[in-house]
């Protein structure tokens, strides 16, 4: 019975700690969130284009090498 009470007290203490830590967080405002989201999308598109370019270049090189018999 005492073990059950200890577990309940530990759970309560844990959730109180979680709530306290959550209150310490500083959340970004809408403007910052939008700016960072746009930056992530732009970087993702650029990286995707670079990967596509490199893939096409490598594919062209492999096709060239196999066509000349290497």
PDB file of N, CA and C in Angstrom:
ATOM      1  N   UNK A   1       0.820  -1.189   0.000  1.00  0.00           N
ATOM      2  CA  UNK A   1       0.000   0.000   0.000  1.00  0.00           C
ATOM      3  C   UNK A   1       0.864   1.254   0.000  1.00  0.00           C
ATOM      4  N   UNK A   2       1.953   1.219   0.754  1.00  0.00           N
ATOM      5  CA  UNK A   2       2.833   2.388   0.836  1.00  0.00           C
ATOM      6  C   UNK A   2       3.524   2.633  -0.499  1.00  0.00           C
ATOM      7  N   UNK A   3       3.861   1.532  -1.195  1.00  0.00           N
ATOM      8  CA  UNK A   3       4.492   1.682  -2.506  1.00  0.00           C
ATOM      9  C   UNK A   3       3.563   2.388  -3.481  1.00  0.00           C
ATOM     10  N   UNK A   4       2.290   2.060  -3.405  1.00  0.00           N
ATOM     11  CA  UNK A   4       1.306   2.691  -4.285  1.00  0.00           C
ATOM     12  C   UNK A   4       1.202   4.186  -4.004  1.00  0.00           C
ATOM     13  N   UNK A   5       1.257   4.564  -2.754  1.00  0.00           N
ATOM     14  CA  UNK A   5       1.186   5.983  -2.383  1.00  0.00           C
ATOM     15  C   UNK A   5       2.435   6.719  -2.854  1.00  0.00           C
ATOM     16  N   UNK A   6       3.593   6.054  -2.748  1.00  0.00           N
ATOM     17  CA  UNK A   6       4.839   6.674  -3.213  1.00  0.00           C
ATOM     18  C   UNK A   6       4.807   6.899  -4.723  1.00  0.00           C
ATOM     19  N   UNK A   7       4.289   5.900  -5.455  1.00  0.00           N
ATOM     20  CA  UNK A   7       4.211   6.033  -6.908  1.00  0.00           C
ATOM     21  C   UNK A   7       3.281   7.178  -7.291  1.00  0.00           C
ATOM     22  N   UNK A   8       2.169   7.300  -6.588  1.00  0.00           N
ATOM     23  CA  UNK A   8       1.234   8.390  -6.863  1.00  0.00           C
ATOM     24  C   UNK A   8       1.853   9.740  -6.577  1.00  0.00           C
ATOM     25  N   UNK A   9       2.613   9.830  -5.487  1.00  0.00           N
ATOM     26  CA  UNK A   9       3.273  11.088  -5.135  1.00  0.00           C
ATOM     27  C   UNK A   9       4.352  11.426  -6.158  1.00  0.00           C
ATOM     28  N   UNK A  10       5.066  10.408  -6.642  1.00  0.00           N
ATOM     29  CA  UNK A  10       6.103  10.643  -7.652  1.00  0.00           C
ATOM     30  C   UNK A  10       5.483  11.146  -8.956  1.00  0.00           C
ATOM     31  N   UNK A  11       4.338  10.561  -9.332  1.00  0.00           N
ATOM     32  CA  UNK A  11       3.670  10.998 -10.553  1.00  0.00           C
ATOM     33  C   UNK A  11       3.210  12.443 -10.420  1.00  0.00           C
ATOM     34  N   UNK A  12       2.625  12.781  -9.273  1.00  0.00           N
ATOM     35  CA  UNK A  12       2.172  14.158  -9.049  1.00  0.00           C
ATOM     36  C   UNK A  12       3.352  15.118  -9.095  1.00  0.00           C
ATOM     37  N   UNK A  13       4.441  14.733  -8.453  1.00  0.00           N
ATOM     38  CA  UNK A  13       5.635  15.572  -8.438  1.00  0.00           C
ATOM     39  C   UNK A  13       6.187  15.742  -9.854  1.00  0.00           C
ATOM     40  N   UNK A  14       6.177  14.678 -10.617  1.00  0.00           N
ATOM     41  CA  UNK A  14       6.666  14.739 -11.995  1.00  0.00           C
ATOM     42  C   UNK A  14       5.840  15.718 -12.815  1.00  0.00           C
ATOM     43  N   UNK A  15       4.520  15.608 -12.743  1.00  0.00           N
ATOM     44  CA  UNK A  15       3.665  16.483 -13.546  1.00  0.00           C
ATOM     45  C   UNK A  15       3.747  17.931 -13.086  1.00  0.00           C
ATOM     46  N   UNK A  16       3.944  18.146 -11.799  1.00  0.00           N
ATOM     47  CA  UNK A  16       4.139  19.517 -11.316  1.00  0.00           C
ATOM     48  C   UNK A  16       5.442  20.089 -11.873  1.00  0.00           C
ATOM     49  N   UNK A  17       6.471  19.260 -11.939  1.00  0.00           N
ATOM     50  CA  UNK A  17       7.752  19.696 -12.508  1.00  0.00           C
ATOM     51  C   UNK A  17       7.612  20.001 -13.996  1.00  0.00           C
ATOM     52  N   UNK A  18       6.868  19.168 -14.689  1.00  0.00           N
ATOM     53  CA  UNK A  18       6.638  19.398 -16.115  1.00  0.00           C
ATOM     54  C   UNK A  18       5.915  20.721 -16.316  1.00  0.00           C
ATOM     55  N   UNK A  19       4.891  20.971 -15.517  1.00  0.00           N
ATOM     56  CA  UNK A  19       4.134  22.220 -15.629  1.00  0.00           C
ATOM     57  C   UNK A  19       5.029  23.424 -15.331  1.00  0.00           C
ATOM     58  N   UNK A  20       5.870  23.312 -14.317  1.00  0.00           N
ATOM     59  CA  UNK A  20       6.786  24.402 -13.970  1.00  0.00           C
ATOM     60  C   UNK A  20       7.748  24.683 -15.117  1.00  0.00           C
ATOM     61  N   UNK A  21       8.309  23.642 -15.710  1.00  0.00           N
ATOM     62  CA  UNK A  21       9.242  23.820 -16.820  1.00  0.00           C
ATOM     63  C   UNK A  21       8.537  24.397 -18.048  1.00  0.00           C
ATOM     64  N   UNK A  22       7.307  23.973 -18.289  1.00  0.00           N
ATOM     65  CA  UNK A  22       6.548  24.506 -19.414  1.00  0.00           C
ATOM     66  C   UNK A  22       6.317  25.998 -19.257  1.00  0.00           C
ATOM     67  N   UNK A  23       6.092  26.438 -18.035  1.00  0.00           N
ATOM     68  CA  UNK A  23       5.867  27.862 -17.793  1.00  0.00           C
ATOM     69  C   UNK A  23       7.137  28.682 -18.000  1.00  0.00           C
ATOM     70  N   UNK A  24       8.298  28.047 -17.929  1.00  0.00           N
ATOM     71  CA  UNK A  24       9.565  28.749 -18.132  1.00  0.00           C
ATOM     72  C   UNK A  24       9.885  28.950 -19.614  1.00  0.00           C
ATOM     73  N   UNK A  25       9.220  28.205 -20.483  1.00  0.00           N
ATOM     74  CA  UNK A  25       9.496  28.298 -21.911  1.00  0.00           C
ATOM     75  C   UNK A  25       9.074  29.652 -22.463  1.00  0.00           C
ATOM     76  N   UNK A  26       9.838  30.134 -23.419  1.00  0.00           N
ATOM     77  CA  UNK A  26       9.420  31.342 -24.132  1.00  0.00           C
ATOM     78  C   UNK A  26       9.113  30.927 -25.570  1.00  0.00           C
ATOM     79  N   UNK A  27       7.875  31.032 -25.941  1.00  0.00           N
ATOM     80  CA  UNK A  27       7.434  30.601 -27.250  1.00  0.00           C
ATOM     81  C   UNK A  27       7.640  31.729 -28.249  1.00  0.00           C
ATOM     82  N   UNK A  28       8.047  31.403 -29.476  1.00  0.00           N
ATOM     83  CA  UNK A  28       8.228  32.456 -30.486  1.00  0.00           C
ATOM     84  C   UNK A  28       6.875  33.031 -30.902  1.00  0.00           C
ATOM     85  N   UNK A  29       6.891  34.301 -31.285  1.00  0.00           N
ATOM     86  CA  UNK A  29       5.637  34.896 -31.734  1.00  0.00           C
ATOM     87  C   UNK A  29       5.358  34.473 -33.178  1.00  0.00           C
ATOM     88  N   UNK A  30       4.193  34.840 -33.660  1.00  0.00           N
ATOM     89  CA  UNK A  30       3.746  34.404 -34.983  1.00  0.00           C
ATOM     90  C   UNK A  30       4.702  34.867 -36.083  1.00  0.00           C
ATOM     91  N   UNK A  31       5.196  36.089 -35.987  1.00  0.00           N
ATOM     92  CA  UNK A  31       6.090  36.641 -37.010  1.00  0.00           C
ATOM     93  C   UNK A  31       7.364  35.807 -37.125  1.00  0.00           C
ATOM     94  N   UNK A  32       7.968  35.471 -35.988  1.00  0.00           N
ATOM     95  CA  UNK A  32       9.190  34.657 -35.996  1.00  0.00           C
ATOM     96  C   UNK A  32       8.919  33.256 -36.535  1.00  0.00           C
ATOM     97  N   UNK A  33       7.786  32.690 -36.153  1.00  0.00           N
ATOM     98  CA  UNK A  33       7.441  31.349 -36.615  1.00  0.00           C
ATOM     99  C   UNK A  33       7.282  31.318 -38.129  1.00  0.00           C
ATOM    100  N   UNK A  34       6.595  32.318 -38.677  1.00  0.00           N
ATOM    101  CA  UNK A  34       6.408  32.383 -40.129  1.00  0.00           C
ATOM    102  C   UNK A  34       7.748  32.577 -40.825  1.00  0.00           C
ATOM    103  N   UNK A  35       8.588  33.471 -40.290  1.00  0.00           N
ATOM    104  CA  UNK A  35       9.889  33.744 -40.899  1.00  0.00           C
ATOM    105  C   UNK A  35      10.758  32.477 -40.914  1.00  0.00           C
ATOM    106  N   UNK A  36      10.774  31.756 -39.812  1.00  0.00           N
ATOM    107  CA  UNK A  36      11.582  30.542 -39.738  1.00  0.00           C
ATOM    108  C   UNK A  36      11.020  29.438 -40.634  1.00  0.00           C
ATOM    109  N   UNK A  37       9.704  29.355 -40.731  1.00  0.00           N
ATOM    110  CA  UNK A  37       9.087  28.350 -41.604  1.00  0.00           C
ATOM    111  C   UNK A  37       9.420  28.620 -43.065  1.00  0.00           C
ATOM    112  N   UNK A  38       9.361  29.887 -43.467  1.00  0.00           N
ATOM    113  CA  UNK A  38       9.710  30.252 -44.843  1.00  0.00           C
ATOM    114  C   UNK A  38      11.181  29.936 -45.109  1.00  0.00           C
ATOM    115  N   UNK A  39      12.045  30.217 -44.148  1.00  0.00           N
ATOM    116  CA  UNK A  39      13.468  29.917 -44.311  1.00  0.00           C
ATOM    117  C   UNK A  39      13.687  28.416 -44.484  1.00  0.00           C
ATOM    118  N   UNK A  40      13.004  27.612 -43.695  1.00  0.00           N
ATOM    119  CA  UNK A  40      13.140  26.152 -43.801  1.00  0.00           C
ATOM    120  C   UNK A  40      12.662  25.675 -45.170  1.00  0.00           C
ATOM    121  N   UNK A  41      11.544  26.203 -45.637  1.00  0.00           N
ATOM    122  CA  UNK A  41      11.036  25.808 -46.953  1.00  0.00           C
ATOM    123  C   UNK A  41      12.001  26.201 -48.065  1.00  0.00           C
ATOM    124  N   UNK A  42      12.550  27.406 -47.996  1.00  0.00           N
ATOM    125  CA  UNK A  42      13.504  27.858 -49.023  1.00  0.00           C
ATOM    126  C   UNK A  42      14.755  26.988 -49.042  1.00  0.00           C
ATOM    127  N   UNK A  43      15.302  26.716 -47.878  1.00  0.00           N
ATOM    128  CA  UNK A  43      16.501  25.873 -47.804  1.00  0.00           C
ATOM    129  C   UNK A  43      16.188  24.468 -48.310  1.00  0.00           C
ATOM    130  N   UNK A  44      15.015  23.946 -47.988  1.00  0.00           N
ATOM    131  CA  UNK A  44      14.635  22.614 -48.460  1.00  0.00           C
ATOM    132  C   UNK A  44      14.547  22.569 -49.977  1.00  0.00           C
ATOM    133  N   UNK A  45      13.971  23.603 -50.571  1.00  0.00           N
ATOM    134  CA  UNK A  45      13.866  23.656 -52.031  1.00  0.00           C
ATOM    135  C   UNK A  45      15.256  23.742 -52.658  1.00  0.00           C
ATOM    136  N   UNK A  46      16.121  24.582 -52.116  1.00  0.00           N
ATOM    137  CA  UNK A  46      17.475  24.727 -52.661  1.00  0.00           C
ATOM    138  C   UNK A  46      18.240  23.410 -52.548  1.00  0.00           C
ATOM    139  N   UNK A  47      18.171  22.764 -51.408  1.00  0.00           N
ATOM    140  CA  UNK A  47      18.865  21.482 -51.228  1.00  0.00           C
ATOM    141  C   UNK A  47      18.296  20.443 -52.196  1.00  0.00           C
ATOM    142  N   UNK A  48      16.980  20.430 -52.367  1.00  0.00           N
ATOM    143  CA  UNK A  48      16.366  19.509 -53.321  1.00  0.00           C
ATOM    144  C   UNK A  48      16.852  19.743 -54.737  1.00  0.00           C
ATOM    145  N   UNK A  49      16.970  21.016 -55.125  1.00  0.00           N
ATOM    146  CA  UNK A  49      17.464  21.337 -56.465  1.00  0.00           C
ATOM    147  C   UNK A  49      18.928  20.928 -56.640  1.00  0.00           C
ATOM    148  N   UNK A  50      19.737  21.140 -55.616  1.00  0.00           N
ATOM    149  CA  UNK A  50      21.149  20.742 -55.684  1.00  0.00           C
ATOM    150  C   UNK A  50      21.264  19.227 -55.818  1.00  0.00           C
ATOM    151  N   UNK A  51      20.486  18.496 -55.042  1.00  0.00           N
ATOM    152  CA  UNK A  51      20.526  17.029 -55.117  1.00  0.00           C
ATOM    153  C   UNK A  51      20.067  16.559 -56.492  1.00  0.00           C
ATOM    154  N   UNK A  52      19.012  17.175 -57.024  1.00  0.00           N
ATOM    155  CA  UNK A  52      18.529  16.813 -58.359  1.00  0.00           C
ATOM    156  C   UNK A  52      19.592  17.079 -59.412  1.00  0.00           C
ATOM    157  N   UNK A  53      20.254  18.232 -59.322  1.00  0.00           N
ATOM    158  CA  UNK A  53      21.313  18.572 -60.275  1.00  0.00           C
ATOM    159  C   UNK A  53      22.456  17.564 -60.205  1.00  0.00           C
ATOM    160  N   UNK A  54      22.905  17.263 -58.984  1.00  0.00           N
ATOM    161  CA  UNK A  54      24.011  16.309 -58.830  1.00  0.00           C
ATOM    162  C   UNK A  54      23.617  14.922 -59.323  1.00  0.00           C
ATOM    163  N   UNK A  55      22.395  14.508 -59.047  1.00  0.00           N
ATOM    164  CA  UNK A  55      21.925  13.203 -59.493  1.00  0.00           C
ATOM    165  C   UNK A  55      21.903  13.129 -61.019  1.00  0.00           C
ATOM    166  N   UNK A  56      21.416  14.190 -61.646  1.00  0.00           N
ATOM    167  CA  UNK A  56      21.378  14.233 -63.111  1.00  0.00           C
ATOM    168  C   UNK A  56      22.786  14.217 -63.688  1.00  0.00           C
ATOM    169  N   UNK A  57      23.692  14.974 -63.082  1.00  0.00           N
ATOM    170  CA  UNK A  57      25.077  15.023 -63.541  1.00  0.00           C
ATOM    171  C   UNK A  57      25.747  13.657 -63.419  1.00  0.00           C
ATOM    172  N   UNK A  58      25.556  13.002 -62.301  1.00  0.00           N
ATOM    173  CA  UNK A  58      26.146  11.671 -62.094  1.00  0.00           C
ATOM    174  C   UNK A  58      25.541  10.667 -63.072  1.00  0.00           C
ATOM    175  N   UNK A  59      24.225  10.749 -63.267  1.00  0.00           N
ATOM    176  CA  UNK A  59      23.569   9.845 -64.211  1.00  0.00           C
ATOM    177  C   UNK A  59      24.101  10.064 -65.628  1.00  0.00           C
ATOM    178  N   UNK A  60      24.281  11.313 -66.019  1.00  0.00           N
ATOM    179  CA  UNK A  60      24.848  11.618 -67.333  1.00  0.00           C
ATOM    180  C   UNK A  60      26.258  11.038 -67.451  1.00  0.00           C
ATOM    181  N   UNK A  61      27.068  11.197 -66.418  1.00  0.00           N
ATOM    182  CA  UNK A  61      28.430  10.661 -66.429  1.00  0.00           C
ATOM    183  C   UNK A  61      28.454   9.155 -66.542  1.00  0.00           C
ATOM    184  N   UNK A  62      27.604   8.486 -65.804  1.00  0.00           N
ATOM    185  CA  UNK A  62      27.555   7.018 -65.863  1.00  0.00           C
ATOM    186  C   UNK A  62      27.091   6.561 -67.238  1.00  0.00           C
ATOM    187  N   UNK A  63      26.067   7.211 -67.774  1.00  0.00           N
ATOM    188  CA  UNK A  63      25.589   6.850 -69.118  1.00  0.00           C
ATOM    189  C   UNK A  63      26.674   7.086 -70.166  1.00  0.00           C
ATOM    190  N   UNK A  64      27.423   8.163 -70.026  1.00  0.00           N
ATOM    191  CA  UNK A  64      28.513   8.447 -70.967  1.00  0.00           C
ATOM    192  C   UNK A  64      29.585   7.369 -70.888  1.00  0.00           C
ATOM    193  N   UNK A  65      29.980   7.021 -69.659  1.00  0.00           N
ATOM    194  CA  UNK A  65      31.029   6.009 -69.492  1.00  0.00           C
ATOM    195  C   UNK A  65      30.586   4.644 -70.000  1.00  0.00           C
ATOM    196  N   UNK A  66      29.335   4.285 -69.783  1.00  0.00           N
ATOM    197  CA  UNK A  66      28.874   2.976 -70.261  1.00  0.00           C
ATOM    198  C   UNK A  66      28.686   2.964 -71.772  1.00  0.00           C
ATOM    199  N   UNK A  67      28.435   4.122 -72.370  1.00  0.00           N
ATOM    200  CA  UNK A  67      28.248   4.161 -73.829  1.00  0.00           C
ATOM    201  C   UNK A  67      29.577   4.049 -74.575  1.00  0.00           C
ATOM    202  N   UNK A  68      30.682   4.442 -73.942  1.00  0.00           N
ATOM    203  CA  UNK A  68      31.980   4.332 -74.618  1.00  0.00           C
ATOM    204  C   UNK A  68      32.665   3.009 -74.304  1.00  0.00           C
ATOM    205  N   UNK A  69      32.013   2.175 -73.531  1.00  0.00           N
ATOM    206  CA  UNK A  69      32.511   0.828 -73.306  1.00  0.00           C
ATOM    207  C   UNK A  69      33.397   0.658 -72.091  1.00  0.00           C
ATOM    208  N   UNK A  70      33.389   1.551 -71.160  1.00  0.00           N
ATOM    209  CA  UNK A  70      34.223   1.399 -69.967  1.00  0.00           C
ATOM    210  C   UNK A  70      33.501   0.605 -68.924  1.00  0.00           C
TER     211      UNK A  70
END
